[in-house]
Every structure is written in C-alpha cells, then in structure tokens.
Amino acid sequence: MVASYEEFERIDIRVGTVIDAQPYPEARKPAIKLWIDFGGEIGVKTSSAQITVHYTPDVLIGRQVVAVVNFAPRQIGKFISEVLTLGVPDDNGAVVLLNPNLAVSNGGRMF
C-alpha cells in the first residue's frame, strides 16, 4: 500500500516532554503510565506505553518523546491513553522510544 502525502499530513506527530511516569502493574502487559507535556496548544496528555524492558519511570521524567496526538483516546484498563508514544523494536522486539537527538520545543510537529 502506498500512502499519499495528504494521508501522512492527517497524522499529527509531535514532540513532548515526559513530566511524570508511573508503573502500571494493573495492565495486562507490563507498561508505564506517562504524562507528556506537548506545550500550550495541546497541553499535557497521557499515554500507556509497553516500554518496561529498557525504561523505568525515573529515567523517563524530563525525556523528550515523539507521539501521535490525534488518535482517539483508548481505555487501557482503568487508564485513558490519549496519545500513542512512538518507538521501534530492538533485536529482541522490545520497544526503544523515538526522540529528537537535540532538544526542541514541546509541541513541535514532525514533517
């Protein structure tokens, strides 16, 4: 399947900074609850991320991440995940988060 540029533009991918991270032991698969600040236009959004192999909550706070901010919210157990935090698999299939290699403003849109 080939996507058009117009289809790509419909997906709103932004940079935000993790301002809080908490273990989510109630999730079916090991996860961490994230609160991500995307700046003034979008504000703080939540995400449940299955990233426990490489990350602990304490190392995530202050880290910039990349997320899709315009998907419909999903109920993950008792937690609402408002954005999809993006990552890629390592050689064993565990998630490695995507992030800019330089600090950028929260809310910056990927293009």
Protein backbone atom coordinates (compact mmCIF):
# COMPACT_ATOMS: atom_id res chain seq x y z
CA MET A 1 0.00 0.00 0.00
CA VAL A 2 1.27 3.45 -0.90
CA ALA A 3 0.20 6.40 1.25
CA SER A 4 -0.25 9.83 -0.23
CA TYR A 5 1.35 12.90 1.30
CA GLU A 6 -2.14 14.15 2.19
CA GLU A 7 -2.75 10.95 4.20
CA PHE A 8 0.57 11.42 6.01
CA GLU A 9 -0.35 15.02 6.89
CA ARG A 10 -3.52 13.81 8.63
CA ILE A 11 -1.39 12.06 11.28
CA ASP A 12 -0.31 14.67 13.83
CA ILE A 13 3.06 13.59 15.27
CA ARG A 14 4.51 15.89 17.92
CA VAL A 15 7.38 16.12 20.39
CA GLY A 16 6.67 16.36 24.09
CA THR A 17 8.49 16.06 27.40
CA VAL A 18 7.60 13.41 29.95
CA ILE A 19 6.66 15.26 33.15
CA ASP A 20 5.52 12.22 35.14
CA ALA A 21 5.86 8.45 34.76
CA GLN A 22 4.35 5.76 36.96
CA PRO A 23 4.45 1.95 36.90
CA TYR A 24 1.21 0.39 35.61
CA PRO A 25 1.10 -3.07 37.22
CA GLU A 26 -2.64 -3.44 36.50
CA ALA A 27 -2.02 -3.53 32.73
CA ARG A 28 -2.26 -6.94 31.01
CA LYS A 29 1.26 -6.46 29.59
CA PRO A 30 3.95 -4.62 31.59
CA ALA A 31 3.56 -0.89 30.97
CA ILE A 32 4.36 2.57 32.26
CA LYS A 33 1.83 5.41 32.51
CA LEU A 34 3.20 8.64 31.05
CA TRP A 35 2.12 12.26 31.35
CA ILE A 36 3.62 14.15 28.41
CA ASP A 37 3.71 17.95 28.02
CA PHE A 38 3.17 18.96 24.38
CA GLY A 39 3.16 22.69 25.07
CA GLY A 40 0.47 25.36 25.03
CA GLU A 41 -1.63 24.32 22.03
CA ILE A 42 -2.04 20.68 23.09
CA GLY A 43 -1.10 20.65 26.77
CA VAL A 44 -0.43 17.56 28.89
CA LYS A 45 -1.65 14.22 27.53
CA THR A 46 -1.46 10.69 28.92
CA SER A 47 -0.08 7.53 27.36
CA SER A 48 0.26 3.91 28.43
CA ALA A 49 3.45 2.51 26.94
CA GLN A 50 4.84 -1.04 26.96
CA ILE A 51 8.42 0.12 27.42
CA THR A 52 9.47 -1.64 30.65
CA VAL A 53 12.37 -3.61 29.15
CA HIS A 54 14.57 -0.56 28.53
CA TYR A 55 12.98 2.11 30.73
CA THR A 56 11.93 2.75 34.31
CA PRO A 57 9.68 5.63 35.34
CA ASP A 58 12.51 7.61 36.95
CA VAL A 59 14.66 7.72 33.78
CA LEU A 60 11.72 8.89 31.65
CA ILE A 61 10.95 12.11 33.51
CA GLY A 62 12.41 15.03 31.56
CA ARG A 63 12.95 12.94 28.43
CA GLN A 64 11.55 14.13 25.11
CA VAL A 65 9.45 11.63 23.18
CA VAL A 66 7.56 11.53 19.89
CA ALA A 67 3.85 10.68 19.81
CA VAL A 68 0.77 10.67 17.60
CA VAL A 69 -1.54 13.19 19.25
CA ASN A 70 -4.66 12.94 17.10
CA PHE A 71 -5.76 9.32 17.54
CA ALA A 72 -8.92 8.67 19.51
CA PRO A 73 -8.22 8.00 23.22
CA ARG A 74 -8.04 4.33 24.25
CA GLN A 75 -9.08 2.77 27.52
CA ILE A 76 -6.17 0.70 28.84
CA GLY A 77 -7.58 -0.93 31.97
CA LYS A 78 -8.60 1.95 34.25
CA PHE A 79 -6.28 4.41 32.47
CA ILE A 80 -7.07 6.54 29.40
CA SER A 81 -4.24 6.66 26.86
CA GLU A 82 -4.71 9.89 24.89
CA VAL A 83 -1.65 9.68 22.63
CA LEU A 84 0.40 6.92 21.00
CA THR A 85 4.02 7.18 22.11
CA LEU A 86 6.23 6.00 19.24
CA GLY A 87 9.10 3.56 19.30
CA VAL A 88 10.84 0.91 17.25
CA PRO A 89 11.79 -2.67 18.20
CA ASP A 90 15.27 -3.66 19.24
CA ASP A 91 16.70 -7.00 18.08
CA ASN A 92 14.55 -8.82 20.65
CA GLY A 93 11.33 -6.93 19.91
CA ALA A 94 11.42 -4.63 22.97
CA VAL A 95 10.42 -1.01 22.37
CA VAL A 96 13.07 1.70 22.01
CA LEU A 97 11.48 5.16 22.16
CA LEU A 98 11.82 7.63 19.30
CA ASN A 99 13.11 11.04 20.32
CA PRO A 100 14.88 14.01 18.75
CA ASN A 101 18.66 13.94 19.08
CA LEU A 102 18.66 17.64 20.03
CA ALA A 103 16.30 19.45 22.43
CA VAL A 104 13.35 21.02 20.62
CA SER A 105 10.27 22.93 21.73
CA ASN A 106 7.39 20.89 23.10
CA GLY A 107 4.61 20.59 20.56
CA GLY A 108 6.93 20.69 17.54
CA ARG A 109 5.24 18.85 14.68
CA MET A 110 7.08 16.20 12.70
CA PHE A 111 7.30 16.83 8.98
